[in-house]
Amino acid sequence: MLDTSARLLRLLSLLQARRDWSSADLAERLGVAPRTVRRDVDRLRTLGYPVHSTPGVAGGYRLGAGAELPPLLLDDDEAVAVALGLRTAANGTVTGIEETSLRALAKLEQVLPARLRHRVNTLQTHTLRINRAGPTVDADVLTRVAAACRDRERLRFDYTSHQGEQALRQAEPHSLVTKGNRWYLVAWDVDRRDWRTYRADRIRLRTPNGPRFAPREPPVPDVAAWVESRLAHEMWPIEARFLLHAPAEQIAGRTPGVIEPVDDRRCVLVLRGDDLHPMAVVVAFLDVDFEVLEPVELKERLRALGRRLMSSRI
């Protein structure tokens, strides 16, 4: 059986790992009687830890928020994950937390056992990072947006569009989505009465927040996939479809587009982009008979490409 000091540390670790614990569960994990759990909880309270209890047969314990931040007890994998996360944050895309991350990392590495410090340093030494240029997000904006998502409070903010135009937005926030070095807010736009995505680095929050709202069903169950699909359409607004007179197996791997089989002799090629000319070149180099399904403007672009090739000196 653990001695009292070791048992208190173990109890504190359990309370930090899960929101609610029954007295029976804690007693089983610690290998002691429920009466001992009650005494140990009283000792933690004496040390300043706000452990709340619920009376009754189904009662239990919960570690509450205190006036000061209590020391966290992490297992080996958790400590490594936190250390790597702090190092990543120090070079990340969130403004204002670089120095704070470094200070927290220095405190953590000071108390890491040698075996864990070696794991962290080994992974960090042999990992290369490709830094992407671009705007960063204010940490306070992310924190306040996340809190509004949690508390279901309407947000009011000035938003700068891709064209540089500013407008006031009122939105019911649902969640934050990250992709690459970008953060996006998924929210119900109150004025447009539709689901929208907003680049977090283009948001300038107004205070205070608006009223609370009843949660809505998101546009699709997988919000992250929905955001990725919308971003693809914004980056590549033109969709071209070709009917290729060749089986899908013959075309697969030869084009960046999507292949949709029609039958054993034909397939549809779907290309997305922001310019018709590269699409015309891609389908021409496949060296198979094809028909343009859409858009009709692509037909003239292909004719012009054909005339240019025919007039060239070979």
Protein backbone atom coordinates (compact mmCIF):
# COMPACT_ATOMS: atom_id res chain seq x y z
CA MET A 1 0.00 0.00 0.00
CA LEU A 2 1.20 3.51 -0.79
CA ASP A 3 2.29 5.68 2.12
CA THR A 4 0.26 8.78 2.89
CA SER A 5 2.35 11.31 0.88
CA ALA A 6 2.57 9.09 -2.20
CA ARG A 7 -1.13 8.32 -1.93
CA LEU A 8 -2.02 12.03 -1.79
CA LEU A 9 -0.02 12.65 -4.98
CA ARG A 10 -1.74 9.71 -6.63
CA LEU A 11 -5.15 10.99 -5.52
CA LEU A 12 -4.39 14.46 -6.87
CA SER A 13 -3.29 12.96 -10.19
CA LEU A 14 -6.55 11.01 -10.48
CA LEU A 15 -8.65 14.08 -9.70
CA GLN A 16 -6.83 16.02 -12.42
CA ALA A 17 -7.27 13.24 -14.98
CA ARG A 18 -11.08 13.10 -14.89
CA ARG A 19 -13.81 15.57 -14.03
CA ASP A 20 -15.88 13.41 -11.66
CA TRP A 21 -14.94 10.45 -9.47
CA SER A 22 -17.08 8.33 -7.19
CA SER A 23 -15.69 7.50 -3.77
CA ALA A 24 -15.75 3.80 -4.66
CA ASP A 25 -13.74 4.33 -7.85
CA LEU A 26 -11.07 6.32 -6.03
CA ALA A 27 -10.86 3.76 -3.27
CA GLU A 28 -10.42 0.97 -5.82
CA ARG A 29 -7.69 2.86 -7.73
CA LEU A 30 -5.79 3.67 -4.52
CA GLY A 31 -6.31 0.29 -2.88
CA VAL A 32 -7.79 1.77 0.29
CA ALA A 33 -11.15 2.01 2.03
CA PRO A 34 -13.63 4.81 1.21
CA ARG A 35 -13.05 6.19 4.71
CA THR A 36 -9.36 6.68 3.84
CA VAL A 37 -10.34 8.49 0.65
CA ARG A 38 -12.44 10.92 2.68
CA ARG A 39 -9.50 11.60 5.03
CA ASP A 40 -7.12 12.12 2.09
CA VAL A 41 -9.56 14.53 0.45
CA ASP A 42 -9.66 16.52 3.70
CA ARG A 43 -5.84 16.64 3.68
CA LEU A 44 -5.86 18.02 0.11
CA ARG A 45 -8.35 20.68 1.15
CA THR A 46 -6.07 21.63 4.04
CA LEU A 47 -3.26 22.09 1.51
CA GLY A 48 -5.45 24.48 -0.47
CA TYR A 49 -6.87 22.22 -3.18
CA PRO A 50 -10.59 22.94 -3.82
CA VAL A 51 -11.98 19.40 -3.87
CA HIS A 52 -15.78 19.53 -4.10
CA SER A 53 -17.93 16.62 -2.93
CA THR A 54 -21.46 15.47 -3.72
CA PRO A 55 -23.30 13.67 -0.91
CA GLY A 56 -25.43 10.56 -1.27
CA VAL A 57 -25.05 7.05 -2.63
CA ALA A 58 -24.05 8.32 -6.09
CA GLY A 59 -21.89 11.07 -4.63
CA GLY A 60 -18.29 11.68 -5.48
CA TYR A 61 -15.50 14.20 -5.80
CA ARG A 62 -14.41 16.84 -8.28
CA LEU A 63 -11.32 19.07 -8.34
CA GLY A 64 -12.53 22.65 -8.71
CA ALA A 65 -10.82 25.82 -9.84
CA GLY A 66 -8.87 27.62 -7.14
CA ALA A 67 -7.37 31.04 -6.64
CA GLU A 68 -3.94 29.69 -7.61
CA LEU A 69 -2.84 27.21 -10.23
CA PRO A 70 -2.07 23.88 -8.52
CA PRO A 71 0.88 21.78 -9.68
CA LEU A 72 -0.06 19.37 -12.45
CA LEU A 73 0.85 15.71 -12.18
CA LEU A 74 1.59 14.18 -15.58
CA ASP A 75 2.47 10.64 -16.61
CA ASP A 76 5.42 10.05 -18.96
CA ASP A 77 3.49 10.27 -22.23
CA GLU A 78 1.57 13.34 -21.08
CA ALA A 79 4.78 15.14 -20.08
CA VAL A 80 6.40 14.41 -23.48
CA ALA A 81 3.27 15.58 -25.32
CA VAL A 82 3.15 18.85 -23.36
CA ALA A 83 6.86 19.53 -23.92
CA LEU A 84 6.60 18.96 -27.66
CA GLY A 85 3.44 21.05 -27.83
CA LEU A 86 5.16 23.96 -26.08
CA ARG A 87 8.14 23.79 -28.43
CA THR A 88 5.80 23.81 -31.42
CA ALA A 89 3.84 26.74 -29.99
CA ALA A 90 7.06 28.72 -29.56
CA ASN A 91 7.44 28.72 -33.38
CA GLY A 92 3.75 28.66 -34.19
CA THR A 93 1.18 30.86 -35.82
CA VAL A 94 -0.50 32.22 -32.69
CA THR A 95 0.71 35.72 -31.81
CA GLY A 96 1.77 36.52 -28.28
CA ILE A 97 2.43 33.06 -26.85
CA GLU A 98 5.94 32.43 -28.16
CA GLU A 99 7.75 33.85 -25.11
CA THR A 100 5.17 32.39 -22.71
CA SER A 101 5.59 28.96 -24.30
CA LEU A 102 9.36 29.15 -23.90
CA ARG A 103 9.03 30.09 -20.21
CA ALA A 104 6.64 27.23 -19.56
CA LEU A 105 8.89 24.84 -21.47
CA ALA A 106 11.92 25.88 -19.40
CA LYS A 107 10.00 25.15 -16.19
CA LEU A 108 8.83 21.78 -17.45
CA GLU A 109 12.22 20.63 -18.75
CA GLN A 110 13.81 21.58 -15.43
CA VAL A 111 11.77 18.91 -13.64
CA LEU A 112 11.63 16.28 -16.38
CA PRO A 113 13.42 13.02 -15.51
CA ALA A 114 16.48 12.32 -17.64
CA ARG A 115 14.72 9.54 -19.56
CA LEU A 116 11.91 11.88 -20.63
CA ARG A 117 14.22 14.78 -21.41
CA HIS A 118 16.17 12.44 -23.71
CA ARG A 119 12.94 11.40 -25.52
CA VAL A 120 11.89 15.01 -26.07
CA ASN A 121 15.33 16.15 -27.25
CA THR A 122 15.74 13.16 -29.58
CA LEU A 123 12.43 13.78 -31.32
CA GLN A 124 13.02 17.53 -31.52
CA THR A 125 16.58 17.17 -32.86
CA HIS A 126 15.52 14.92 -35.72
CA THR A 127 12.39 16.85 -36.67
CA LEU A 128 12.56 19.61 -39.29
CA ARG A 129 9.94 22.32 -39.58
CA ILE A 130 8.95 24.14 -42.75
CA ASN A 131 8.07 27.68 -41.73
CA ARG A 132 5.25 29.20 -43.72
CA ALA A 133 4.99 32.90 -44.21
CA GLY A 134 1.68 34.51 -43.49
CA PRO A 135 -0.40 36.30 -40.88
CA THR A 136 -0.61 35.01 -37.34
CA VAL A 137 -3.58 34.87 -34.99
CA ASP A 138 -3.83 36.76 -31.72
CA ALA A 139 -3.99 34.30 -28.82
CA ASP A 140 -6.61 36.42 -27.07
CA VAL A 141 -8.89 36.18 -30.11
CA LEU A 142 -8.66 32.38 -30.13
CA THR A 143 -9.28 32.19 -26.38
CA ARG A 144 -12.32 34.46 -26.50
CA VAL A 145 -13.78 32.73 -29.56
CA ALA A 146 -13.31 29.29 -27.98
CA ALA A 147 -14.99 30.53 -24.78
CA ALA A 148 -17.93 31.86 -26.81
CA CYS A 149 -18.26 28.47 -28.54
CA ARG A 150 -18.28 26.78 -25.14
CA ASP A 151 -20.72 29.23 -23.51
CA ARG A 152 -22.90 29.60 -26.63
CA GLU A 153 -22.63 33.37 -26.67
CA ARG A 154 -23.17 35.37 -29.84
CA LEU A 155 -20.08 37.13 -31.20
CA ARG A 156 -19.87 40.60 -32.73
CA PHE A 157 -16.77 41.33 -34.76
CA ASP A 158 -15.34 43.36 -37.60
CA TYR A 159 -14.27 41.07 -40.42
CA THR A 160 -11.89 41.85 -43.28
CA SER A 161 -12.75 39.93 -46.45
CA HIS A 162 -10.28 38.52 -48.97
CA GLN A 163 -10.84 41.68 -51.05
CA GLY A 164 -9.92 43.89 -48.07
CA GLU A 165 -13.46 45.06 -47.34
CA GLN A 166 -14.51 45.40 -43.70
CA ALA A 167 -17.98 44.72 -42.32
CA LEU A 168 -19.61 44.05 -38.98
CA ARG A 169 -20.62 40.44 -38.43
CA GLN A 170 -22.93 38.86 -35.87
CA ALA A 171 -22.51 35.13 -35.54
CA GLU A 172 -23.34 32.17 -33.33
CA PRO A 173 -19.98 30.38 -33.00
CA HIS A 174 -19.83 26.61 -33.28
CA SER A 175 -16.16 25.59 -33.36
CA LEU A 176 -12.61 26.47 -34.38
CA VAL A 177 -10.94 24.45 -37.15
CA THR A 178 -7.23 24.46 -37.95
CA LYS A 179 -5.75 23.69 -41.36
CA GLY A 180 -2.04 24.14 -41.96
CA ASN A 181 -1.09 27.47 -40.44
CA ARG A 182 -4.63 28.88 -40.57
CA TRP A 183 -7.42 29.01 -37.98
CA TYR A 184 -11.08 29.17 -39.05
CA LEU A 185 -14.23 29.93 -37.10
CA VAL A 186 -17.32 27.97 -38.11
CA ALA A 187 -20.44 29.92 -37.15
CA TRP A 188 -24.04 30.66 -38.05
CA ASP A 189 -24.16 34.13 -39.58
CA VAL A 190 -27.18 35.82 -38.01
CA ASP A 191 -27.72 38.41 -40.77
CA ARG A 192 -27.14 36.05 -43.71
CA ARG A 193 -28.96 33.17 -42.01
CA ASP A 194 -26.41 30.66 -43.20
CA TRP A 195 -23.35 28.76 -42.01
CA ARG A 196 -20.08 30.57 -42.77
CA THR A 197 -16.35 30.20 -42.18
CA TYR A 198 -14.18 33.11 -41.05
CA ARG A 199 -10.40 33.35 -41.02
CA ALA A 200 -9.48 33.97 -37.37
CA ASP A 201 -6.62 36.33 -38.26
CA ARG A 202 -9.15 38.61 -40.00
CA ILE A 203 -11.45 38.83 -36.96
CA ARG A 204 -11.45 41.88 -34.67
CA LEU A 205 -13.76 41.14 -31.77
CA ARG A 206 -16.09 43.70 -30.25
CA THR A 207 -17.09 43.68 -26.60
CA PRO A 208 -19.17 42.63 -24.88
CA ASN A 209 -20.42 39.43 -26.48
CA GLY A 210 -24.06 39.20 -27.50
CA PRO A 211 -26.79 37.13 -25.84
CA ARG A 212 -26.67 33.39 -25.37
CA PHE A 213 -28.26 31.20 -28.04
CA ALA A 214 -29.69 27.71 -28.42
CA PRO A 215 -27.23 25.47 -30.28
CA ARG A 216 -27.96 24.62 -33.91
CA GLU A 217 -27.23 21.42 -35.76
CA PRO A 218 -24.00 21.97 -37.77
CA PRO A 219 -24.24 21.87 -41.57
CA VAL A 220 -22.75 18.35 -41.62
CA PRO A 221 -21.62 15.97 -38.86
CA ASP A 222 -17.94 16.31 -39.89
CA VAL A 223 -17.38 20.07 -39.57
CA ALA A 224 -13.65 19.84 -40.36
CA ALA A 225 -14.34 18.07 -43.68
CA TRP A 226 -17.00 20.69 -44.47
CA VAL A 227 -14.48 23.49 -43.92
CA GLU A 228 -11.91 21.74 -46.10
CA SER A 229 -14.46 21.36 -48.89
CA ARG A 230 -15.43 25.06 -48.71
CA LEU A 231 -11.78 26.12 -48.76
CA ALA A 232 -11.16 24.00 -51.85
CA HIS A 233 -14.03 25.71 -53.65
CA GLU A 234 -12.79 29.15 -52.63
CA MET A 235 -9.22 28.44 -53.78
CA TRP A 236 -10.26 26.62 -56.99
CA PRO A 237 -13.62 28.16 -57.99
CA ILE A 238 -13.77 26.64 -61.51
CA GLU A 239 -14.92 23.06 -61.95
CA ALA A 240 -14.43 21.34 -65.31
CA ARG A 241 -15.91 17.97 -66.27
CA PHE A 242 -14.80 15.84 -69.23
CA LEU A 243 -16.22 12.60 -70.57
CA LEU A 244 -13.16 10.51 -71.46
CA HIS A 245 -13.46 7.64 -73.92
CA ALA A 246 -11.15 5.44 -71.90
CA PRO A 247 -11.61 3.17 -68.88
CA ALA A 248 -10.98 4.66 -65.45
CA GLU A 249 -8.09 2.25 -64.84
CA GLN A 250 -6.24 3.71 -67.85
CA ILE A 251 -6.54 7.29 -66.55
CA ALA A 252 -5.95 6.69 -62.84
CA GLY A 253 -2.66 8.17 -61.63
CA ARG A 254 -2.12 10.28 -64.75
CA THR A 255 -3.99 13.42 -63.67
CA PRO A 256 -4.52 15.45 -60.49
CA GLY A 257 -8.28 15.34 -61.02
CA VAL A 258 -11.00 13.01 -59.74
CA ILE A 259 -11.94 10.01 -61.90
CA GLU A 260 -15.58 8.83 -61.91
CA PRO A 261 -16.16 5.54 -63.82
CA VAL A 262 -19.13 5.52 -66.21
CA ASP A 263 -18.79 2.03 -67.68
CA ASP A 264 -15.96 -0.30 -68.70
CA ARG A 265 -14.98 1.98 -71.62
CA ARG A 266 -15.63 5.53 -70.35
CA CYS A 267 -15.09 7.72 -67.30
CA VAL A 268 -15.62 11.31 -66.19
CA LEU A 269 -12.65 13.49 -65.24
CA VAL A 270 -13.31 16.33 -62.79
CA LEU A 271 -10.72 19.11 -62.52
CA ARG A 272 -10.75 22.15 -60.25
CA GLY A 273 -8.69 25.31 -60.64
CA ASP A 274 -8.74 29.06 -61.10
CA ASP A 275 -7.78 29.13 -64.79
CA LEU A 276 -9.21 27.25 -67.79
CA HIS A 277 -5.92 27.06 -69.71
CA PRO A 278 -4.14 24.53 -67.43
CA MET A 279 -7.25 22.35 -67.52
CA ALA A 280 -7.17 22.33 -71.32
CA VAL A 281 -3.50 21.33 -71.27
CA VAL A 282 -4.09 18.52 -68.76
CA VAL A 283 -6.86 16.85 -70.73
CA ALA A 284 -5.00 17.30 -74.04
CA PHE A 285 -1.93 15.51 -72.75
CA LEU A 286 -3.97 12.46 -71.70
CA ASP A 287 -4.03 11.50 -75.42
CA VAL A 288 -7.53 10.04 -75.36
CA ASP A 289 -10.77 11.11 -77.07
CA PHE A 290 -12.94 13.25 -74.85
CA GLU A 291 -15.97 15.53 -74.70
CA VAL A 292 -16.29 18.72 -72.65
CA LEU A 293 -19.29 18.47 -70.35
CA GLU A 294 -18.77 21.81 -68.58
CA PRO A 295 -18.09 24.67 -68.63
CA VAL A 296 -18.86 25.59 -72.23
CA GLU A 297 -16.14 28.28 -72.21
CA LEU A 298 -13.57 25.50 -72.01
CA LYS A 299 -14.43 24.35 -75.53
CA GLU A 300 -13.15 27.58 -77.09
CA ARG A 301 -10.02 27.42 -74.92
CA LEU A 302 -9.30 23.93 -76.28
CA ARG A 303 -9.91 25.07 -79.86
CA ALA A 304 -7.46 27.94 -79.37
CA LEU A 305 -4.90 25.51 -77.95
CA GLY A 306 -5.36 23.24 -80.96
CA ARG A 307 -4.93 26.11 -83.43
CA ARG A 308 -1.75 27.22 -81.67
CA LEU A 309 -0.31 23.72 -81.82
CA MET A 310 -1.21 23.30 -85.48
CA SER A 311 0.40 26.62 -86.42
CA SER A 312 3.64 25.89 -84.59
CA ARG A 313 6.71 24.84 -86.54
CA ILE A 314 7.80 21.34 -85.71
